[in-house]
Amino acid sequence: MSDSTQLSPRIVIQIVLALEDGQSGTWTQVSLIRRAKRIGLSEAEIDAARDGRSFEAKSSAAIRLAKAVLDQSGNDLIEAREHAAAFGLCSVEIRQIEKLATTLR
């Protein structure tokens, strides 16, 4: 994949839902849910993301990676990167997830 690869909006919003409490920055809980619904997430998918999981393997791997970045645990982060790659996330997407997680810290 090229360097112009962008994370899907579905993955981004699921990561934000998983990591944000909805009270900081420009992300409010209501705006997050509205955005998630516009992108096409169902209520069940929104609830799952808020619980830090997803029904889609690739999105689940992305959430796991983002959480590992926040936890700053070396071995967990390495494993999460490998897991993300195994489930189809390219190196550019992995870097984007890590950057997103860092900005939500």
PDB file of N, CA and C in Angstrom:
ATOM      1  N   MET A   1       0.837  -1.182   0.000  1.00  0.00           N
ATOM      2  CA  MET A   1       0.000   0.000   0.000  1.00  0.00           C
ATOM      3  C   MET A   1       0.879   1.241   0.000  1.00  0.00           C
ATOM      4  N   SER A   2       0.390   2.300  -0.553  1.00  0.00           N
ATOM      5  CA  SER A   2       1.174   3.521  -0.658  1.00  0.00           C
ATOM      6  C   SER A   2       1.108   4.327   0.623  1.00  0.00           C
ATOM      7  N   ASP A   3       1.979   5.341   0.702  1.00  0.00           N
ATOM      8  CA  ASP A   3       1.978   6.227   1.864  1.00  0.00           C
ATOM      9  C   ASP A   3       0.706   7.058   1.949  1.00  0.00           C
ATOM     10  N   SER A   4      -0.069   7.098   0.863  1.00  0.00           N
ATOM     11  CA  SER A   4      -1.303   7.869   0.868  1.00  0.00           C
ATOM     12  C   SER A   4      -2.475   7.067   1.447  1.00  0.00           C
ATOM     13  N   THR A   5      -2.211   5.836   1.886  1.00  0.00           N
ATOM     14  CA  THR A   5      -3.247   5.004   2.487  1.00  0.00           C
ATOM     15  C   THR A   5      -3.827   5.712   3.700  1.00  0.00           C
ATOM     16  N   GLN A   6      -5.138   5.734   3.773  1.00  0.00           N
ATOM     17  CA  GLN A   6      -5.813   6.353   4.911  1.00  0.00           C
ATOM     18  C   GLN A   6      -6.637   5.298   5.638  1.00  0.00           C
ATOM     19  N   LEU A   7      -6.681   5.424   6.947  1.00  0.00           N
ATOM     20  CA  LEU A   7      -7.548   4.545   7.731  1.00  0.00           C
ATOM     21  C   LEU A   7      -8.988   4.795   7.337  1.00  0.00           C
ATOM     22  N   SER A   8      -9.769   3.756   7.347  1.00  0.00           N
ATOM     23  CA  SER A   8     -11.189   3.935   7.027  1.00  0.00           C
ATOM     24  C   SER A   8     -11.849   4.744   8.141  1.00  0.00           C
ATOM     25  N   PRO A   9     -12.824   5.562   7.782  1.00  0.00           N
ATOM     26  CA  PRO A   9     -13.549   6.324   8.807  1.00  0.00           C
ATOM     27  C   PRO A   9     -14.179   5.422   9.873  1.00  0.00           C
ATOM     28  N   ARG A  10     -14.603   4.217   9.484  1.00  0.00           N
ATOM     29  CA  ARG A  10     -15.185   3.274  10.451  1.00  0.00           C
ATOM     30  C   ARG A  10     -14.168   2.886  11.521  1.00  0.00           C
ATOM     31  N   ILE A  11     -12.934   2.624  11.097  1.00  0.00           N
ATOM     32  CA  ILE A  11     -11.897   2.251  12.061  1.00  0.00           C
ATOM     33  C   ILE A  11     -11.555   3.442  12.949  1.00  0.00           C
ATOM     34  N   VAL A  12     -11.417   4.616  12.352  1.00  0.00           N
ATOM     35  CA  VAL A  12     -11.074   5.808  13.133  1.00  0.00           C
ATOM     36  C   VAL A  12     -12.121   6.065  14.213  1.00  0.00           C
ATOM     37  N   ILE A  13     -13.387   6.069  13.843  1.00  0.00           N
ATOM     38  CA  ILE A  13     -14.424   6.390  14.830  1.00  0.00           C
ATOM     39  C   ILE A  13     -14.503   5.309  15.905  1.00  0.00           C
ATOM     40  N   GLN A  14     -14.267   4.054  15.545  1.00  0.00           N
ATOM     41  CA  GLN A  14     -14.275   2.992  16.555  1.00  0.00           C
ATOM     42  C   GLN A  14     -13.122   3.155  17.535  1.00  0.00           C
ATOM     43  N   ILE A  15     -11.963   3.565  17.044  1.00  0.00           N
ATOM     44  CA  ILE A  15     -10.826   3.817  17.941  1.00  0.00           C
ATOM     45  C   ILE A  15     -11.149   4.974  18.873  1.00  0.00           C
ATOM     46  N   VAL A  16     -11.684   6.046  18.319  1.00  0.00           N
ATOM     47  CA  VAL A  16     -12.018   7.211  19.147  1.00  0.00           C
ATOM     48  C   VAL A  16     -13.057   6.834  20.197  1.00  0.00           C
ATOM     49  N   LEU A  17     -14.076   6.100  19.804  1.00  0.00           N
ATOM     50  CA  LEU A  17     -15.088   5.655  20.767  1.00  0.00           C
ATOM     51  C   LEU A  17     -14.465   4.793  21.867  1.00  0.00           C
ATOM     52  N   ALA A  18     -13.511   3.954  21.493  1.00  0.00           N
ATOM     53  CA  ALA A  18     -12.873   3.061  22.461  1.00  0.00           C
ATOM     54  C   ALA A  18     -11.970   3.814  23.439  1.00  0.00           C
ATOM     55  N   LEU A  19     -11.339   4.888  22.962  1.00  0.00           N
ATOM     56  CA  LEU A  19     -10.328   5.558  23.783  1.00  0.00           C
ATOM     57  C   LEU A  19     -10.806   6.831  24.470  1.00  0.00           C
ATOM     58  N   GLU A  20     -11.790   7.488  23.892  1.00  0.00           N
ATOM     59  CA  GLU A  20     -12.251   8.774  24.420  1.00  0.00           C
ATOM     60  C   GLU A  20     -13.352   8.583  25.444  1.00  0.00           C
ATOM     61  N   ASP A  21     -13.348   9.448  26.428  1.00  0.00           N
ATOM     62  CA  ASP A  21     -14.453   9.443  27.390  1.00  0.00           C
ATOM     63  C   ASP A  21     -15.570  10.375  26.939  1.00  0.00           C
ATOM     64  N   GLY A  22     -15.342  11.062  25.826  1.00  0.00           N
ATOM     65  CA  GLY A  22     -16.365  11.950  25.286  1.00  0.00           C
ATOM     66  C   GLY A  22     -16.414  13.308  25.958  1.00  0.00           C
ATOM     67  N   GLN A  23     -15.525  13.561  26.876  1.00  0.00           N
ATOM     68  CA  GLN A  23     -15.560  14.819  27.621  1.00  0.00           C
ATOM     69  C   GLN A  23     -14.397  15.747  27.299  1.00  0.00           C
ATOM     70  N   SER A  24     -13.435  15.293  26.533  1.00  0.00           N
ATOM     71  CA  SER A  24     -12.267  16.130  26.288  1.00  0.00           C
ATOM     72  C   SER A  24     -12.216  16.593  24.840  1.00  0.00           C
ATOM     73  N   GLY A  25     -11.524  17.682  24.629  1.00  0.00           N
ATOM     74  CA  GLY A  25     -11.311  18.188  23.282  1.00  0.00           C
ATOM     75  C   GLY A  25     -12.610  18.516  22.576  1.00  0.00           C
ATOM     76  N   THR A  26     -12.618  18.319  21.273  1.00  0.00           N
ATOM     77  CA  THR A  26     -13.796  18.637  20.478  1.00  0.00           C
ATOM     78  C   THR A  26     -14.750  17.451  20.376  1.00  0.00           C
ATOM     79  N   TRP A  27     -14.343  16.312  20.911  1.00  0.00           N
ATOM     80  CA  TRP A  27     -15.172  15.102  20.824  1.00  0.00           C
ATOM     81  C   TRP A  27     -16.119  15.042  22.001  1.00  0.00           C
ATOM     82  N   THR A  28     -17.393  15.205  21.765  1.00  0.00           N
ATOM     83  CA  THR A  28     -18.384  14.970  22.812  1.00  0.00           C
ATOM     84  C   THR A  28     -19.053  13.643  22.515  1.00  0.00           C
ATOM     85  N   GLN A  29     -19.610  13.042  23.515  1.00  0.00           N
ATOM     86  CA  GLN A  29     -20.255  11.743  23.331  1.00  0.00           C
ATOM     87  C   GLN A  29     -21.342  11.809  22.260  1.00  0.00           C
ATOM     88  N   VAL A  30     -22.138  12.873  22.288  1.00  0.00           N
ATOM     89  CA  VAL A  30     -23.214  13.010  21.309  1.00  0.00           C
ATOM     90  C   VAL A  30     -22.653  13.139  19.900  1.00  0.00           C
ATOM     91  N   SER A  31     -21.617  13.958  19.728  1.00  0.00           N
ATOM     92  CA  SER A  31     -21.054  14.130  18.386  1.00  0.00           C
ATOM     93  C   SER A  31     -20.375  12.857  17.901  1.00  0.00           C
ATOM     94  N   LEU A  32     -19.771  12.121  18.806  1.00  0.00           N
ATOM     95  CA  LEU A  32     -19.152  10.848  18.425  1.00  0.00           C
ATOM     96  C   LEU A  32     -20.203   9.867  17.924  1.00  0.00           C
ATOM     97  N   ILE A  33     -21.290   9.764  18.652  1.00  0.00           N
ATOM     98  CA  ILE A  33     -22.348   8.820  18.264  1.00  0.00           C
ATOM     99  C   ILE A  33     -22.985   9.249  16.950  1.00  0.00           C
ATOM    100  N   ARG A  34     -23.230  10.550  16.797  1.00  0.00           N
ATOM    101  CA  ARG A  34     -23.789  11.047  15.527  1.00  0.00           C
ATOM    102  C   ARG A  34     -22.869  10.718  14.356  1.00  0.00           C
ATOM    103  N   ARG A  35     -21.589  10.992  14.546  1.00  0.00           N
ATOM    104  CA  ARG A  35     -20.618  10.721  13.486  1.00  0.00           C
ATOM    105  C   ARG A  35     -20.561   9.233  13.172  1.00  0.00           C
ATOM    106  N   ALA A  36     -20.571   8.403  14.206  1.00  0.00           N
ATOM    107  CA  ALA A  36     -20.532   6.950  14.005  1.00  0.00           C
ATOM    108  C   ALA A  36     -21.742   6.472  13.208  1.00  0.00           C
ATOM    109  N   LYS A  37     -22.904   7.004  13.537  1.00  0.00           N
ATOM    110  CA  LYS A  37     -24.122   6.619  12.808  1.00  0.00           C
ATOM    111  C   LYS A  37     -24.068   7.086  11.358  1.00  0.00           C
ATOM    112  N   ARG A  38     -23.555   8.306  11.119  1.00  0.00           N
ATOM    113  CA  ARG A  38     -23.425   8.799   9.740  1.00  0.00           C
ATOM    114  C   ARG A  38     -22.495   7.920   8.917  1.00  0.00           C
ATOM    115  N   ILE A  39     -21.467   7.406   9.561  1.00  0.00           N
ATOM    116  CA  ILE A  39     -20.508   6.541   8.878  1.00  0.00           C
ATOM    117  C   ILE A  39     -21.109   5.168   8.604  1.00  0.00           C
ATOM    118  N   GLY A  40     -22.157   4.826   9.352  1.00  0.00           N
ATOM    119  CA  GLY A  40     -22.837   3.562   9.109  1.00  0.00           C
ATOM    120  C   GLY A  40     -22.726   2.537  10.215  1.00  0.00           C
ATOM    121  N   LEU A  41     -22.199   2.915  11.384  1.00  0.00           N
ATOM    122  CA  LEU A  41     -22.137   1.973  12.492  1.00  0.00           C
ATOM    123  C   LEU A  41     -23.518   1.804  13.107  1.00  0.00           C
ATOM    124  N   SER A  42     -23.848   0.582  13.453  1.00  0.00           N
ATOM    125  CA  SER A  42     -25.104   0.294  14.136  1.00  0.00           C
ATOM    126  C   SER A  42     -24.946   0.610  15.626  1.00  0.00           C
ATOM    127  N   GLU A  43     -26.061   0.617  16.338  1.00  0.00           N
ATOM    128  CA  GLU A  43     -26.029   0.826  17.794  1.00  0.00           C
ATOM    129  C   GLU A  43     -25.136  -0.224  18.463  1.00  0.00           C
ATOM    130  N   ALA A  44     -25.267  -1.467  18.017  1.00  0.00           N
ATOM    131  CA  ALA A  44     -24.456  -2.550  18.596  1.00  0.00           C
ATOM    132  C   ALA A  44     -22.971  -2.320  18.337  1.00  0.00           C
ATOM    133  N   GLU A  45     -22.622  -1.848  17.133  1.00  0.00           N
ATOM    134  CA  GLU A  45     -21.214  -1.574  16.817  1.00  0.00           C
ATOM    135  C   GLU A  45     -20.686  -0.405  17.644  1.00  0.00           C
ATOM    136  N   ILE A  46     -21.520   0.596  17.861  1.00  0.00           N
ATOM    137  CA  ILE A  46     -21.123   1.740  18.691  1.00  0.00           C
ATOM    138  C   ILE A  46     -20.890   1.281  20.131  1.00  0.00           C
ATOM    139  N   ASP A  47     -21.810   0.500  20.661  1.00  0.00           N
ATOM    140  CA  ASP A  47     -21.655  -0.020  22.025  1.00  0.00           C
ATOM    141  C   ASP A  47     -20.404  -0.874  22.151  1.00  0.00           C
ATOM    142  N   ALA A  48     -20.159  -1.716  21.159  1.00  0.00           N
ATOM    143  CA  ALA A  48     -18.966  -2.563  21.183  1.00  0.00           C
ATOM    144  C   ALA A  48     -17.701  -1.704  21.185  1.00  0.00           C
ATOM    145  N   ALA A  49     -17.668  -0.696  20.331  1.00  0.00           N
ATOM    146  CA  ALA A  49     -16.492   0.180  20.265  1.00  0.00           C
ATOM    147  C   ALA A  49     -16.274   0.893  21.595  1.00  0.00           C
ATOM    148  N   ARG A  50     -17.347   1.359  22.203  1.00  0.00           N
ATOM    149  CA  ARG A  50     -17.236   2.031  23.503  1.00  0.00           C
ATOM    150  C   ARG A  50     -16.713   1.083  24.576  1.00  0.00           C
ATOM    151  N   ASP A  51     -16.925  -0.221  24.366  1.00  0.00           N
ATOM    152  CA  ASP A  51     -16.391  -1.243  25.278  1.00  0.00           C
ATOM    153  C   ASP A  51     -14.991  -1.693  24.872  1.00  0.00           C
ATOM    154  N   GLY A  52     -14.446  -1.077  23.814  1.00  0.00           N
ATOM    155  CA  GLY A  52     -13.089  -1.392  23.386  1.00  0.00           C
ATOM    156  C   GLY A  52     -12.974  -2.623  22.517  1.00  0.00           C
ATOM    157  N   ARG A  53     -14.031  -2.930  21.769  1.00  0.00           N
ATOM    158  CA  ARG A  53     -13.991  -4.098  20.894  1.00  0.00           C
ATOM    159  C   ARG A  53     -14.759  -3.804  19.611  1.00  0.00           C
ATOM    160  N   SER A  54     -14.695  -4.731  18.681  1.00  0.00           N
ATOM    161  CA  SER A  54     -15.414  -4.599  17.416  1.00  0.00           C
ATOM    162  C   SER A  54     -15.820  -5.974  16.934  1.00  0.00           C
ATOM    163  N   PHE A  55     -16.867  -6.022  16.112  1.00  0.00           N
ATOM    164  CA  PHE A  55     -17.292  -7.274  15.507  1.00  0.00           C
ATOM    165  C   PHE A  55     -16.447  -7.618  14.287  1.00  0.00           C
ATOM    166  N   GLU A  56     -15.704  -6.646  13.768  1.00  0.00           N
ATOM    167  CA  GLU A  56     -14.843  -6.843  12.601  1.00  0.00           C
ATOM    168  C   GLU A  56     -13.413  -7.094  13.085  1.00  0.00           C
ATOM    169  N   ALA A  57     -12.784  -8.130  12.562  1.00  0.00           N
ATOM    170  CA  ALA A  57     -11.439  -8.509  13.020  1.00  0.00           C
ATOM    171  C   ALA A  57     -10.425  -7.394  12.813  1.00  0.00           C
ATOM    172  N   LYS A  58     -10.472  -6.740  11.663  1.00  0.00           N
ATOM    173  CA  LYS A  58      -9.503  -5.672  11.367  1.00  0.00           C
ATOM    174  C   LYS A  58      -9.693  -4.493  12.317  1.00  0.00           C
ATOM    175  N   SER A  59     -10.925  -4.102  12.553  1.00  0.00           N
ATOM    176  CA  SER A  59     -11.208  -3.001  13.479  1.00  0.00           C
ATOM    177  C   SER A  59     -10.831  -3.384  14.900  1.00  0.00           C
ATOM    178  N   SER A  60     -11.084  -4.622  15.264  1.00  0.00           N
ATOM    179  CA  SER A  60     -10.717  -5.108  16.591  1.00  0.00           C
ATOM    180  C   SER A  60      -9.209  -5.038  16.798  1.00  0.00           C
ATOM    181  N   ALA A  61      -8.463  -5.426  15.776  1.00  0.00           N
ATOM    182  CA  ALA A  61      -7.002  -5.356  15.850  1.00  0.00           C
ATOM    183  C   ALA A  61      -6.538  -3.912  15.962  1.00  0.00           C
ATOM    184  N   ALA A  62      -7.209  -3.006  15.262  1.00  0.00           N
ATOM    185  CA  ALA A  62      -6.861  -1.584  15.323  1.00  0.00           C
ATOM    186  C   ALA A  62      -7.105  -1.024  16.719  1.00  0.00           C
ATOM    187  N   ILE A  63      -8.232  -1.385  17.319  1.00  0.00           N
ATOM    188  CA  ILE A  63      -8.550  -0.932  18.676  1.00  0.00           C
ATOM    189  C   ILE A  63      -7.527  -1.496  19.663  1.00  0.00           C
ATOM    190  N   ARG A  64      -7.197  -2.760  19.508  1.00  0.00           N
ATOM    191  CA  ARG A  64      -6.209  -3.386  20.393  1.00  0.00           C
ATOM    192  C   ARG A  64      -4.879  -2.644  20.311  1.00  0.00           C
ATOM    193  N   LEU A  65      -4.463  -2.294  19.095  1.00  0.00           N
ATOM    194  CA  LEU A  65      -3.206  -1.567  18.908  1.00  0.00           C
ATOM    195  C   LEU A  65      -3.280  -0.197  19.572  1.00  0.00           C
ATOM    196  N   ALA A  66      -4.360   0.525  19.354  1.00  0.00           N
ATOM    197  CA  ALA A  66      -4.502   1.853  19.947  1.00  0.00           C
ATOM    198  C   ALA A  66      -4.454   1.787  21.472  1.00  0.00           C
ATOM    199  N   LYS A  67      -5.105   0.796  22.046  1.00  0.00           N
ATOM    200  CA  LYS A  67      -5.089   0.636  23.502  1.00  0.00           C
ATOM    201  C   LYS A  67      -3.684   0.294  24.001  1.00  0.00           C
ATOM    202  N   ALA A  68      -2.957  -0.512  23.237  1.00  0.00           N
ATOM    203  CA  ALA A  68      -1.587  -0.864  23.621  1.00  0.00           C
ATOM    204  C   ALA A  68      -0.684   0.368  23.587  1.00  0.00           C
ATOM    205  N   VAL A  69      -0.915   1.252  22.636  1.00  0.00           N
ATOM    206  CA  VAL A  69      -0.141   2.501  22.576  1.00  0.00           C
ATOM    207  C   VAL A  69      -0.377   3.305  23.848  1.00  0.00           C
ATOM    208  N   LEU A  70      -1.615   3.402  24.265  1.00  0.00           N
ATOM    209  CA  LEU A  70      -1.922   4.160  25.484  1.00  0.00           C
ATOM    210  C   LEU A  70      -1.348   3.508  26.729  1.00  0.00           C
ATOM    211  N   ASP A  71      -1.353   2.182  26.755  1.00  0.00           N
ATOM    212  CA  ASP A  71      -0.833   1.465  27.925  1.00  0.00           C
ATOM    213  C   ASP A  71       0.683   1.532  28.005  1.00  0.00           C
ATOM    214  N   GLN A  72       1.331   1.801  26.885  1.00  0.00           N
ATOM    215  CA  GLN A  72       2.784   1.924  26.789  1.00  0.00           C
ATOM    216  C   GLN A  72       3.529   0.716  27.333  1.00  0.00           C
ATOM    217  N   SER A  73       2.974  -0.451  27.101  1.00  0.00           N
ATOM    218  CA  SER A  73       3.621  -1.693  27.505  1.00  0.00           C
ATOM    219  C   SER A  73       4.365  -2.252  26.297  1.00  0.00           C
ATOM    220  N   GLY A  74       5.667  -2.341  26.390  1.00  0.00           N
ATOM    221  CA  GLY A  74       6.508  -2.738  25.265  1.00  0.00           C
ATOM    222  C   GLY A  74       6.088  -4.030  24.583  1.00  0.00           C
ATOM    223  N   ASN A  75       5.968  -5.117  25.345  1.00  0.00           N
ATOM    224  CA  ASN A  75       5.615  -6.411  24.754  1.00  0.00           C
ATOM    225  C   ASN A  75       4.203  -6.407  24.185  1.00  0.00           C
ATOM    226  N   ASP A  76       3.262  -5.792  24.900  1.00  0.00           N
ATOM    227  CA  ASP A  76       1.889  -5.730  24.413  1.00  0.00           C
ATOM    228  C   ASP A  76       1.810  -4.937  23.116  1.00  0.00           C
ATOM    229  N   LEU A  77       2.588  -3.875  23.018  1.00  0.00           N
ATOM    230  CA  LEU A  77       2.593  -3.045  21.815  1.00  0.00           C
ATOM    231  C   LEU A  77       3.167  -3.826  20.634  1.00  0.00           C
ATOM    232  N   ILE A  78       4.232  -4.549  20.861  1.00  0.00           N
ATOM    233  CA  ILE A  78       4.824  -5.369  19.792  1.00  0.00           C
ATOM    234  C   ILE A  78       3.821  -6.417  19.322  1.00  0.00           C
ATOM    235  N   GLU A  79       3.192  -7.097  20.269  1.00  0.00           N
ATOM    236  CA  GLU A  79       2.192  -8.114  19.923  1.00  0.00           C
ATOM    237  C   GLU A  79       1.001  -7.496  19.197  1.00  0.00           C
ATOM    238  N   ALA A  80       0.570  -6.321  19.636  1.00  0.00           N
ATOM    239  CA  ALA A  80      -0.572  -5.652  19.009  1.00  0.00           C
ATOM    240  C   ALA A  80      -0.235  -5.238  17.579  1.00  0.00           C
ATOM    241  N   ARG A  81       0.995  -4.785  17.351  1.00  0.00           N
ATOM    242  CA  ARG A  81       1.430  -4.443  15.985  1.00  0.00           C
ATOM    243  C   ARG A  81       1.407  -5.682  15.092  1.00  0.00           C
ATOM    244  N   GLU A  82       1.939  -6.784  15.607  1.00  0.00           N
ATOM    245  CA  GLU A  82       1.956  -8.029  14.828  1.00  0.00           C
ATOM    246  C   GLU A  82       0.534  -8.506  14.545  1.00  0.00           C
ATOM    247  N   HIS A  83      -0.328  -8.402  15.527  1.00  0.00           N
ATOM    248  CA  HIS A  83      -1.731  -8.791  15.386  1.00  0.00           C
ATOM    249  C   HIS A  83      -2.410  -7.929  14.324  1.00  0.00           C
ATOM    250  N   ALA A  84      -2.158  -6.623  14.379  1.00  0.00           N
ATOM    251  CA  ALA A  84      -2.744  -5.696  13.408  1.00  0.00           C
ATOM    252  C   ALA A  84      -2.294  -6.044  11.989  1.00  0.00           C
ATOM    253  N   ALA A  85      -1.013  -6.334  11.826  1.00  0.00           N
ATOM    254  CA  ALA A  85      -0.495  -6.698  10.501  1.00  0.00           C
ATOM    255  C   ALA A  85      -1.111  -8.015  10.030  1.00  0.00           C
ATOM    256  N   ALA A  86      -1.259  -8.957  10.950  1.00  0.00           N
ATOM    257  CA  ALA A  86      -1.838 -10.249  10.592  1.00  0.00           C
ATOM    258  C   ALA A  86      -3.291 -10.123  10.138  1.00  0.00           C
ATOM    259  N   PHE A  87      -3.990  -9.095  10.625  1.00  0.00           N
ATOM    260  CA  PHE A  87      -5.392  -8.906  10.257  1.00  0.00           C
ATOM    261  C   PHE A  87      -5.582  -7.867   9.157  1.00  0.00           C
ATOM    262  N   GLY A  88      -4.487  -7.570   8.434  1.00  0.00           N
ATOM    263  CA  GLY A  88      -4.617  -6.791   7.212  1.00  0.00           C
ATOM    264  C   GLY A  88      -4.320  -5.312   7.285  1.00  0.00           C
ATOM    265  N   LEU A  89      -3.851  -4.831   8.414  1.00  0.00           N
ATOM    266  CA  LEU A  89      -3.464  -3.423   8.483  1.00  0.00           C
ATOM    267  C   LEU A  89      -2.031  -3.269   7.984  1.00  0.00           C
ATOM    268  N   CYS A  90      -1.810  -2.359   7.051  1.00  0.00           N
ATOM    269  CA  CYS A  90      -0.471  -2.148   6.508  1.00  0.00           C
ATOM    270  C   CYS A  90       0.339  -1.269   7.464  1.00  0.00           C
ATOM    271  N   SER A  91       1.629  -1.157   7.204  1.00  0.00           N
ATOM    272  CA  SER A  91       2.512  -0.390   8.094  1.00  0.00           C
ATOM    273  C   SER A  91       2.099   1.073   8.184  1.00  0.00           C
ATOM    274  N   VAL A  92       1.603   1.641   7.099  1.00  0.00           N
ATOM    275  CA  VAL A  92       1.140   3.032   7.119  1.00  0.00           C
ATOM    276  C   VAL A  92      -0.072   3.168   8.043  1.00  0.00           C
ATOM    277  N   GLU A  93      -1.018   2.242   7.937  1.00  0.00           N
ATOM    278  CA  GLU A  93      -2.203   2.274   8.801  1.00  0.00           C
ATOM    279  C   GLU A  93      -1.815   2.081  10.265  1.00  0.00           C
ATOM    280  N   ILE A  94      -0.873   1.205  10.516  1.00  0.00           N
ATOM    281  CA  ILE A  94      -0.408   0.966  11.885  1.00  0.00           C
ATOM    282  C   ILE A  94       0.181   2.245  12.464  1.00  0.00           C
ATOM    283  N   ARG A  95       1.002   2.943  11.686  1.00  0.00           N
ATOM    284  CA  ARG A  95       1.561   4.222  12.153  1.00  0.00           C
ATOM    285  C   ARG A  95       0.453   5.248  12.399  1.00  0.00           C
ATOM    286  N   GLN A  96      -0.550   5.273  11.521  1.00  0.00           N
ATOM    287  CA  GLN A  96      -1.662   6.214  11.689  1.00  0.00           C
ATOM    288  C   GLN A  96      -2.446   5.920  12.962  1.00  0.00           C
ATOM    289  N   ILE A  97      -2.654   4.645  13.258  1.00  0.00           N
ATOM    290  CA  ILE A  97      -3.361   4.261  14.487  1.00  0.00           C
ATOM    291  C   ILE A  97      -2.557   4.700  15.706  1.00  0.00           C
ATOM    292  N   GLU A  98      -1.259   4.473  15.668  1.00  0.00           N
ATOM    293  CA  GLU A  98      -0.415   4.862  16.799  1.00  0.00           C
ATOM    294  C   GLU A  98      -0.426   6.374  17.000  1.00  0.00           C
ATOM    295  N   LYS A  99      -0.400   7.119  15.899  1.00  0.00           N
ATOM    296  CA  LYS A  99      -0.443   8.581  15.990  1.00  0.00           C
ATOM    297  C   LYS A  99      -1.790   9.038  16.539  1.00  0.00           C
ATOM    298  N   LEU A 100      -2.885   8.450  16.044  1.00  0.00           N
ATOM    299  CA  LEU A 100      -4.218   8.789  16.529  1.00  0.00           C
ATOM    300  C   LEU A 100      -4.325   8.516  18.025  1.00  0.00           C
ATOM    301  N   ALA A 101      -3.877   7.352  18.452  1.00  0.00           N
ATOM    302  CA  ALA A 101      -3.949   7.002  19.882  1.00  0.00           C
ATOM    303  C   ALA A 101      -3.159   7.988  20.727  1.00  0.00           C
ATOM    304  N   THR A 102      -2.011   8.396  20.232  1.00  0.00           N
ATOM    305  CA  THR A 102      -1.186   9.356  20.963  1.00  0.00           C
ATOM    306  C   THR A 102      -1.884  10.702  21.102  1.00  0.00           C
ATOM    307  N   THR A 103      -2.580  11.123  20.055  1.00  0.00           N
ATOM    308  CA  THR A 103      -3.288  12.408  20.109  1.00  0.00           C
ATOM    309  C   THR A 103      -4.491  12.351  21.054  1.00  0.00           C
ATOM    310  N   LEU A 104      -5.025  11.162  21.288  1.00  0.00           N
ATOM    311  CA  LEU A 104      -6.182  11.017  22.180  1.00  0.00           C
ATOM    312  C   LEU A 104      -5.765  10.809  23.634  1.00  0.00           C
ATOM    313  N   ARG A 105      -4.489  10.686  23.865  1.00  0.00           N
ATOM    314  CA  ARG A 105      -3.960  10.434  25.202  1.00  0.00           C
ATOM    315  C   ARG A 105      -4.339  11.541  26.152  1.00  0.00           C
TER     316      ARG A 105
END
